[in-house]
Amino acid sequence: MASPLNLDQQTMFMVNALLLVVFAVAFAFAGLGHKDRRYWAYLVVSNLVFAVAFVIFSHQIDGTPEALLLPNCLLVIGLGLRWQAIRTFFGHRSSSAWFLALSLVIALALLLSDVLGKGVVFGLINAVIAAQIVAIMVSLATEREPLPSRWGLVFAYGAIAASSALRVVQGLLLDRGMDSLLPADIFLDLNLIAAAVHISASGAFSLSLAYERSAAELRETALRDPLTGLYNRWSIEALPEIVKHRAAAQHTALVLIDIDHFKRVNDNYGHSAGDAAIKHCANSIRRTFRGDSLIARIGGEEFVVLLPGRNVDHAYKLAEKLRSTLETRTLTFPGKSITLTVSIGISHGKADAASLPGLLEKADVCLYRAKAAGRNRIEIDDRTLGPNPASAAPRREPASPPPAPGGSSRS
């Protein structure tokens, strides 16, 4: 049927249906072999449901309430599946009960349209659709995962939400005496155009969203130590950027930790015991330094902890807790009980890209002094702190410059 904007509305319905099928195929291929395949399955099914609804609509312009019952219910179900896709993608639970109930409400309203009035029912249907879309937009906007494409999805859903809102106004305010539940007017033209924009944009941004997460996961994997799951030494350059995002403070405390006599563990008990010792220490560090602390394994038995916005006293309290815990909590290895101790150096200052190497070097000097003073102790600037700070040995100057962080083992 011809339209006020000279659109062939029947053809536009079919074009939109074809777009939905094309993106359904794209989603199906995108989900092959991915762990988030439920997300893709929801998108595929929702697109196919929408496509069927559009095909039916194309043959029911100016149709009867009974003829429009199925496609309108399919629209509500399709949007419900989109909601489930978004919730699943971001790791939230969702239920299909609410949108199935909404579809029954729509069906009942259509069957009672002669009593309620076609304008009221038309407005109600579009209000339900608009509310579902707004719920999806809110869910996307409130997620904290830094994926820029979700804002593209918000835009895509916003286009169709605005179109549905216009049709709510049309049904409830402008044309309450309408004689059709699918009037071939300029509002339908705008709705079909908005639908085409939405289908194309939401399809593209859905694919982009998954790509951004995959890229972020690959980058995260590259920055992680496979044995402990902590950041690795290559991630040190990225840590200032991470600190900037996690804390507004300009300064940070840096704690450098080294396992004492680690070579003896490997020599006496084997490399499997050495791996177990590293994981044991890593788990203790992770339990001790919580919150917004950033922990990395930067050498064979060496770890660094950044405490954004924290001072030296706070860092020392946590470091002493770690030192004491490791000293008293032995590592149980098959048939063996291994006692581990650590030496620790602490520094404080800016943690931006330019200052971090100097911060690491200061902590490394402190760590070297702790090793030289007898191990199993903490050194902070000019203070040497061990199991009993009052009886700590006097500071000793190193005989030679300390090796670089993450370099050869100090044992």
Protein backbone atom coordinates (compact mmCIF):
# COMPACT_ATOMS: atom_id res chain seq x y z
CA MET A 1 0.00 0.00 0.00
CA ALA A 2 1.25 3.51 -0.84
CA SER A 3 2.22 5.70 2.10
CA PRO A 4 2.50 9.44 2.83
CA LEU A 5 6.30 9.21 2.35
CA ASN A 6 5.87 7.21 -0.87
CA LEU A 7 7.15 4.07 0.82
CA ASP A 8 5.90 0.69 -0.22
CA GLN A 9 5.07 -0.43 3.30
CA GLN A 10 4.63 -4.08 2.39
CA THR A 11 8.06 -4.10 0.76
CA MET A 12 9.56 -2.33 3.79
CA PHE A 13 8.19 -5.03 6.08
CA MET A 14 9.80 -7.69 3.88
CA VAL A 15 13.12 -5.80 3.68
CA ASN A 16 13.22 -5.60 7.47
CA ALA A 17 12.41 -9.30 7.71
CA LEU A 18 15.28 -10.06 5.32
CA LEU A 19 17.69 -7.92 7.37
CA LEU A 20 16.67 -9.82 10.49
CA VAL A 21 17.34 -13.17 8.82
CA VAL A 22 20.75 -11.99 7.53
CA PHE A 23 21.82 -10.91 11.01
CA ALA A 24 20.40 -14.12 12.50
CA VAL A 25 22.76 -16.07 10.24
CA ALA A 26 25.65 -13.76 11.23
CA PHE A 27 24.87 -14.29 14.92
CA ALA A 28 24.72 -18.05 14.43
CA PHE A 29 28.21 -18.10 12.89
CA ALA A 30 29.54 -15.70 15.53
CA GLY A 31 28.40 -18.04 18.29
CA LEU A 32 30.15 -21.14 16.91
CA GLY A 33 32.72 -22.37 19.40
CA HIS A 34 32.25 -19.48 21.83
CA LYS A 35 31.60 -19.91 25.54
CA ASP A 36 28.90 -17.22 25.41
CA ARG A 37 26.87 -19.14 22.83
CA ARG A 38 23.64 -18.70 24.82
CA TYR A 39 23.87 -14.98 24.09
CA TRP A 40 24.09 -15.70 20.38
CA ALA A 41 21.29 -18.28 20.56
CA TYR A 42 18.95 -15.73 22.11
CA LEU A 43 19.84 -13.22 19.40
CA VAL A 44 19.30 -15.75 16.61
CA VAL A 45 15.91 -16.84 17.92
CA SER A 46 14.78 -13.27 18.62
CA ASN A 47 15.69 -12.19 15.07
CA LEU A 48 13.80 -15.11 13.56
CA VAL A 49 10.78 -14.36 15.76
CA PHE A 50 10.86 -10.71 14.62
CA ALA A 51 11.22 -11.80 10.98
CA VAL A 52 8.11 -13.99 11.19
CA ALA A 53 6.19 -11.12 12.80
CA PHE A 54 7.23 -8.70 10.03
CA VAL A 55 6.22 -11.14 7.29
CA ILE A 56 2.77 -11.51 8.87
CA PHE A 57 2.46 -7.73 9.29
CA SER A 58 3.26 -7.23 5.60
CA HIS A 59 0.06 -9.11 4.69
CA GLN A 60 -2.12 -7.65 7.46
CA ILE A 61 -1.94 -3.86 6.93
CA ASP A 62 -5.37 -2.58 7.99
CA GLY A 63 -6.06 -6.13 9.19
CA THR A 64 -8.43 -7.39 11.88
CA PRO A 65 -7.52 -7.67 15.58
CA GLU A 66 -7.50 -11.46 15.34
CA ALA A 67 -5.12 -11.39 12.37
CA LEU A 68 -2.74 -9.05 14.24
CA LEU A 69 -2.76 -11.04 17.47
CA LEU A 70 0.12 -13.41 16.56
CA PRO A 71 2.58 -10.86 15.12
CA ASN A 72 2.11 -8.45 18.03
CA CYS A 73 2.68 -11.23 20.54
CA LEU A 74 5.77 -12.26 18.57
CA LEU A 75 7.14 -8.71 18.86
CA VAL A 76 6.80 -8.84 22.65
CA ILE A 77 8.43 -12.29 22.80
CA GLY A 78 11.24 -11.19 20.48
CA LEU A 79 12.03 -8.20 22.68
CA GLY A 80 11.96 -10.47 25.72
CA LEU A 81 14.55 -12.69 24.05
CA ARG A 82 16.69 -9.62 23.33
CA TRP A 83 16.47 -8.76 27.03
CA GLN A 84 17.61 -12.26 27.91
CA ALA A 85 20.48 -12.00 25.43
CA ILE A 86 21.75 -8.78 27.02
CA ARG A 87 21.36 -10.11 30.56
CA THR A 88 23.13 -13.35 29.66
CA PHE A 89 25.98 -11.53 27.92
CA PHE A 90 26.72 -9.52 31.06
CA GLY A 91 26.39 -12.54 33.35
CA HIS A 92 22.96 -11.84 34.89
CA ARG A 93 20.04 -14.16 35.37
CA SER A 94 16.76 -13.51 33.60
CA SER A 95 13.38 -15.14 33.31
CA SER A 96 11.10 -15.59 30.31
CA ALA A 97 7.95 -15.62 32.46
CA TRP A 98 7.44 -11.84 32.45
CA PHE A 99 7.46 -11.31 28.68
CA LEU A 100 5.34 -14.39 28.07
CA ALA A 101 2.83 -12.87 30.52
CA LEU A 102 3.01 -9.57 28.61
CA SER A 103 2.24 -11.36 25.35
CA LEU A 104 -0.87 -12.84 26.95
CA VAL A 105 -1.93 -9.34 28.06
CA ILE A 106 -1.48 -8.08 24.49
CA ALA A 107 -3.49 -11.00 23.13
CA LEU A 108 -6.32 -10.34 25.58
CA ALA A 109 -6.34 -6.62 24.75
CA LEU A 110 -6.55 -7.36 21.01
CA LEU A 111 -9.46 -9.74 21.54
CA LEU A 112 -11.26 -7.03 23.55
CA SER A 113 -10.39 -4.19 21.16
CA ASP A 114 -14.05 -3.69 20.20
CA VAL A 115 -14.86 -3.06 23.86
CA LEU A 116 -11.74 -1.08 24.81
CA GLY A 117 -11.44 0.81 21.56
CA LYS A 118 -8.84 0.32 18.86
CA GLY A 119 -6.98 3.52 19.75
CA VAL A 120 -6.56 2.45 23.38
CA VAL A 121 -5.41 -1.05 22.42
CA PHE A 122 -3.05 0.33 19.76
CA GLY A 123 -1.54 2.71 22.32
CA LEU A 124 -1.28 -0.06 24.94
CA ILE A 125 0.56 -2.40 22.58
CA ASN A 126 3.10 0.23 21.66
CA ALA A 127 3.46 1.30 25.30
CA VAL A 128 4.37 -2.29 26.24
CA ILE A 129 6.88 -2.46 23.38
CA ALA A 130 8.39 0.92 24.32
CA ALA A 131 8.68 -0.15 27.98
CA GLN A 132 10.52 -3.33 27.00
CA ILE A 133 12.94 -1.35 24.85
CA VAL A 134 13.57 1.18 27.61
CA ALA A 135 14.28 -1.70 30.03
CA ILE A 136 16.91 -3.02 27.60
CA MET A 137 18.43 0.46 27.25
CA VAL A 138 18.63 0.91 31.02
CA SER A 139 20.25 -2.50 31.42
CA LEU A 140 22.90 -1.61 28.82
CA ALA A 141 23.52 1.86 30.24
CA THR A 142 24.01 0.64 33.83
CA GLU A 143 26.55 -2.08 33.05
CA ARG A 144 30.05 -1.28 34.29
CA GLU A 145 32.05 -3.36 31.84
CA PRO A 146 33.98 -0.87 29.68
CA LEU A 147 32.65 -1.86 26.25
CA PRO A 148 32.01 1.24 24.10
CA SER A 149 29.70 -0.59 21.68
CA ARG A 150 27.03 -0.88 24.34
CA TRP A 151 26.38 2.84 23.84
CA GLY A 152 25.87 2.15 20.16
CA LEU A 153 23.30 -0.43 21.17
CA VAL A 154 21.61 2.12 23.42
CA PHE A 155 21.32 4.42 20.39
CA ALA A 156 19.97 1.60 18.21
CA TYR A 157 17.26 0.76 20.74
CA GLY A 158 16.59 4.45 21.33
CA ALA A 159 15.61 4.93 17.67
CA ILE A 160 12.89 2.28 17.82
CA ALA A 161 11.83 3.37 21.33
CA ALA A 162 11.19 6.91 20.06
CA SER A 163 9.14 5.55 17.17
CA SER A 164 7.07 3.38 19.50
CA ALA A 165 6.51 6.36 21.82
CA LEU A 166 5.09 8.33 18.88
CA ARG A 167 2.63 5.53 18.20
CA VAL A 168 1.62 5.53 21.88
CA VAL A 169 0.76 9.22 21.53
CA GLN A 170 -1.07 8.47 18.30
CA GLY A 171 -3.21 5.74 19.82
CA LEU A 172 -3.99 7.30 23.20
CA LEU A 173 -4.22 10.99 22.29
CA LEU A 174 -4.36 11.78 18.58
CA ASP A 175 -6.48 9.08 17.05
CA ARG A 176 -8.51 7.31 19.71
CA GLY A 177 -11.24 6.63 17.17
CA MET A 178 -8.97 4.83 14.68
CA ASP A 179 -10.60 2.04 12.71
CA SER A 180 -7.47 -0.11 12.28
CA LEU A 181 -4.85 -1.53 14.62
CA LEU A 182 -2.19 -1.17 11.90
CA PRO A 183 -3.02 2.09 10.11
CA ALA A 184 -1.05 2.74 6.91
CA ASP A 185 -0.08 6.28 7.81
CA ILE A 186 3.05 8.40 8.28
CA PHE A 187 3.57 6.95 11.76
CA LEU A 188 3.90 3.48 10.22
CA ASP A 189 6.38 4.89 7.69
CA LEU A 190 8.50 6.32 10.48
CA ASN A 191 8.23 3.08 12.46
CA LEU A 192 9.43 1.01 9.48
CA ILE A 193 12.36 3.37 8.86
CA ALA A 194 13.28 3.29 12.56
CA ALA A 195 13.03 -0.52 12.49
CA ALA A 196 15.47 -0.70 9.57
CA VAL A 197 17.92 1.58 11.38
CA HIS A 198 17.51 -0.43 14.58
CA ILE A 199 18.00 -3.83 12.94
CA SER A 200 21.15 -2.72 11.10
CA ALA A 201 22.66 -0.78 14.01
CA SER A 202 21.80 -3.29 16.74
CA GLY A 203 23.13 -6.16 14.63
CA ALA A 204 26.42 -4.37 13.96
CA PHE A 205 26.87 -3.21 17.54
CA SER A 206 25.98 -6.65 18.96
CA LEU A 207 28.80 -8.16 16.90
CA SER A 208 31.10 -5.30 17.89
CA LEU A 209 30.23 -5.75 21.57
CA ALA A 210 31.35 -9.37 21.49
CA TYR A 211 34.52 -8.45 19.58
CA GLU A 212 35.43 -5.82 22.18
CA ARG A 213 35.04 -8.33 24.99
CA SER A 214 37.13 -10.93 23.15
CA ALA A 215 39.86 -8.35 22.56
CA ALA A 216 39.76 -7.31 26.22
CA GLU A 217 39.97 -10.95 27.34
CA LEU A 218 42.93 -11.63 25.05
CA ARG A 219 44.69 -8.54 26.38
CA GLU A 220 43.95 -9.59 29.95
CA THR A 221 45.29 -13.10 29.25
CA ALA A 222 48.48 -11.61 27.82
CA LEU A 223 48.94 -9.59 31.02
CA ARG A 224 48.41 -12.55 33.36
CA ASP A 225 50.88 -15.02 34.82
CA PRO A 226 49.61 -18.51 33.91
CA LEU A 227 50.81 -20.13 37.16
CA THR A 228 49.24 -17.73 39.67
CA GLY A 229 46.65 -15.77 37.69
CA LEU A 230 48.26 -12.53 38.88
CA TYR A 231 49.49 -9.82 36.53
CA ASN A 232 52.84 -10.69 34.94
CA ARG A 233 56.05 -8.66 34.62
CA TRP A 234 55.07 -7.42 31.16
CA SER A 235 51.98 -5.79 32.62
CA ILE A 236 54.00 -3.41 34.79
CA GLU A 237 53.93 -0.77 32.06
CA ALA A 238 50.12 -0.98 32.04
CA LEU A 239 49.73 -0.72 35.81
CA PRO A 240 49.82 3.11 35.98
CA GLU A 241 46.88 3.21 33.57
CA ILE A 242 45.02 0.67 35.72
CA VAL A 243 45.79 2.68 38.85
CA LYS A 244 44.44 5.81 37.18
CA HIS A 245 41.14 4.09 36.57
CA ARG A 246 40.88 2.53 40.02
CA ALA A 247 41.89 5.46 42.20
CA ALA A 248 42.00 9.19 41.78
CA ALA A 249 44.96 9.53 44.15
CA GLN A 250 48.25 10.69 42.64
CA HIS A 251 50.44 8.64 44.99
CA THR A 252 50.72 4.98 45.79
CA ALA A 253 52.63 2.64 48.07
CA LEU A 254 54.62 -0.07 46.33
CA VAL A 255 55.46 -3.34 48.07
CA LEU A 256 58.15 -5.60 46.59
CA ILE A 257 58.15 -9.19 47.90
CA ASP A 258 60.71 -11.94 47.37
CA ILE A 259 60.58 -15.53 48.67
CA ASP A 260 63.64 -16.32 50.80
CA HIS A 261 65.91 -19.23 49.78
CA PHE A 262 63.56 -20.21 46.97
CA LYS A 263 66.34 -22.09 45.15
CA ARG A 264 66.59 -24.47 48.12
CA VAL A 265 62.90 -25.37 47.71
CA ASN A 266 63.50 -26.35 44.10
CA ASP A 267 66.74 -28.18 44.91
CA ASN A 268 65.40 -30.06 47.94
CA TYR A 269 61.83 -30.84 46.89
CA GLY A 270 61.71 -30.45 43.11
CA HIS A 271 60.22 -27.91 40.73
CA SER A 272 56.66 -29.07 41.44
CA ALA A 273 57.17 -28.03 45.04
CA GLY A 274 58.62 -24.75 43.78
CA ASP A 275 55.48 -24.10 41.74
CA ALA A 276 53.35 -24.98 44.76
CA ALA A 277 55.38 -22.55 46.89
CA ILE A 278 54.86 -19.73 44.38
CA LYS A 279 51.10 -20.38 44.27
CA HIS A 280 50.99 -20.60 48.07
CA CYS A 281 52.64 -17.20 48.39
CA ALA A 282 50.51 -15.71 45.61
CA ASN A 283 47.32 -16.83 47.36
CA SER A 284 48.52 -15.37 50.66
CA ILE A 285 49.36 -12.07 48.96
CA ARG A 286 45.97 -12.01 47.26
CA ARG A 287 44.18 -12.63 50.59
CA THR A 288 46.23 -9.99 52.41
CA PHE A 289 46.16 -7.18 49.85
CA ARG A 290 42.52 -6.79 48.90
CA GLY A 291 40.34 -3.95 47.65
CA ASP A 292 41.87 -1.94 44.83
CA SER A 293 45.38 -3.37 45.28
CA LEU A 294 47.18 -4.46 42.11
CA ILE A 295 49.36 -7.54 42.38
CA ALA A 296 51.87 -8.84 39.84
CA ARG A 297 54.42 -11.64 39.71
CA ILE A 298 57.43 -10.00 38.09
CA GLY A 299 60.09 -12.67 38.55
CA GLY A 300 60.47 -16.33 39.38
CA GLU A 301 59.73 -15.78 43.08
CA GLU A 302 59.23 -12.02 43.15
CA PHE A 303 55.96 -10.12 43.47
CA VAL A 304 54.98 -6.46 43.43
CA VAL A 305 51.87 -4.91 44.98
CA LEU A 306 50.61 -1.40 44.20
CA LEU A 307 48.36 0.23 46.78
CA PRO A 308 46.77 3.28 45.09
CA GLY A 309 46.20 6.20 47.43
CA ARG A 310 47.76 4.40 50.43
CA ASN A 311 50.64 5.56 52.60
CA VAL A 312 53.69 3.69 53.84
CA ASP A 313 52.20 2.88 57.26
CA HIS A 314 49.20 1.19 55.68
CA ALA A 315 51.48 -0.76 53.35
CA TYR A 316 53.70 -1.84 56.24
CA LYS A 317 50.78 -3.17 58.30
CA LEU A 318 49.65 -5.36 55.43
CA ALA A 319 53.19 -6.42 54.56
CA GLU A 320 53.86 -7.42 58.18
CA LYS A 321 50.62 -9.41 58.22
CA LEU A 322 51.76 -11.24 55.09
CA ARG A 323 55.27 -11.88 56.46
CA SER A 324 53.90 -13.24 59.74
CA THR A 325 51.27 -15.38 58.02
CA LEU A 326 53.75 -17.05 55.67
CA GLU A 327 56.21 -17.68 58.51
CA THR A 328 53.62 -19.47 60.65
CA ARG A 329 51.48 -21.14 57.98
CA THR A 330 53.60 -23.86 56.40
CA LEU A 331 53.10 -25.20 52.90
CA THR A 332 51.96 -28.80 52.92
CA PHE A 333 53.39 -30.69 49.95
CA PRO A 334 52.93 -34.48 49.51
CA GLY A 335 54.88 -35.95 52.41
CA LYS A 336 56.55 -32.65 53.25
CA SER A 337 55.90 -29.54 55.33
CA ILE A 338 57.75 -26.51 53.94
CA THR A 339 58.20 -23.26 55.85
CA LEU A 340 58.45 -20.19 53.64
CA THR A 341 59.56 -16.69 54.57
CA VAL A 342 59.71 -13.49 52.53
CA SER A 343 61.78 -10.32 52.46
CA ILE A 344 59.94 -7.12 51.62
CA GLY A 345 60.85 -3.63 50.44
CA ILE A 346 58.39 -0.73 50.48
CA SER A 347 58.50 2.61 48.66
CA HIS A 348 56.02 5.44 48.14
CA GLY A 349 55.45 8.05 45.44
CA LYS A 350 53.73 8.73 42.14
CA ALA A 351 52.73 5.71 40.09
CA ASP A 352 52.47 7.26 36.64
CA ALA A 353 54.37 5.82 33.69
CA ALA A 354 57.32 8.17 34.18
CA SER A 355 57.67 7.66 37.95
CA LEU A 356 56.96 3.94 38.34
CA PRO A 357 60.48 2.73 37.35
CA GLY A 358 61.98 4.93 40.07
CA LEU A 359 59.40 3.69 42.56
CA LEU A 360 60.32 0.10 41.71
CA GLU A 361 64.03 0.88 42.01
CA LYS A 362 63.58 2.38 45.50
CA ALA A 363 61.62 -0.67 46.65
CA ASP A 364 64.24 -2.93 45.08
CA VAL A 365 67.02 -1.23 47.07
CA CYS A 366 64.96 -1.71 50.25
CA LEU A 367 64.38 -5.36 49.39
CA TYR A 368 68.09 -5.92 48.79
CA ARG A 369 68.87 -4.42 52.17
CA ALA A 370 66.27 -6.66 53.83
CA LYS A 371 67.98 -9.66 52.23
CA ALA A 372 71.41 -8.46 53.30
CA ALA A 373 70.19 -7.86 56.87
CA GLY A 374 69.14 -11.46 57.36
CA ARG A 375 65.92 -12.01 55.36
CA ASN A 376 62.39 -12.53 56.70
CA ARG A 377 62.05 -8.80 57.32
CA ILE A 378 60.71 -5.56 55.88
CA GLU A 379 62.66 -2.44 54.99
CA ILE A 380 61.09 0.95 54.35
CA ASP A 381 63.38 3.77 53.27
CA ASP A 382 65.71 4.21 56.28
CA ARG A 383 63.90 1.76 58.56
CA THR A 384 64.53 -1.99 58.76
CA LEU A 385 61.58 -3.85 60.20
CA GLY A 386 61.60 -7.58 60.95
CA PRO A 387 59.69 -10.00 63.20
CA ASN A 388 60.60 -7.75 66.16
CA PRO A 389 61.12 -4.15 64.94
CA ALA A 390 62.66 -3.11 68.28
CA SER A 391 65.47 -5.63 67.91
CA ALA A 392 65.91 -5.32 64.18
CA ALA A 393 69.45 -5.40 62.91
CA PRO A 394 70.95 -2.08 61.85
CA ARG A 395 70.72 -1.22 58.20
CA ARG A 396 73.54 -2.52 56.09
CA GLU A 397 74.61 -0.98 52.84
CA PRO A 398 74.68 -3.48 49.96
CA ALA A 399 78.11 -4.53 48.80
CA SER A 400 77.15 -3.96 45.16
CA PRO A 401 74.23 -2.38 43.29
CA PRO A 402 71.07 -4.51 43.40
CA PRO A 403 69.87 -6.29 40.25
CA ALA A 404 66.90 -4.90 38.34
CA PRO A 405 63.38 -5.92 39.39
CA GLY A 406 62.29 -9.21 37.87
CA GLY A 407 65.89 -10.12 37.07
CA SER A 408 68.00 -12.88 38.57
CA SER A 409 66.83 -14.66 41.68
CA ARG A 410 67.96 -13.31 45.06
CA SER A 411 67.02 -16.57 46.85
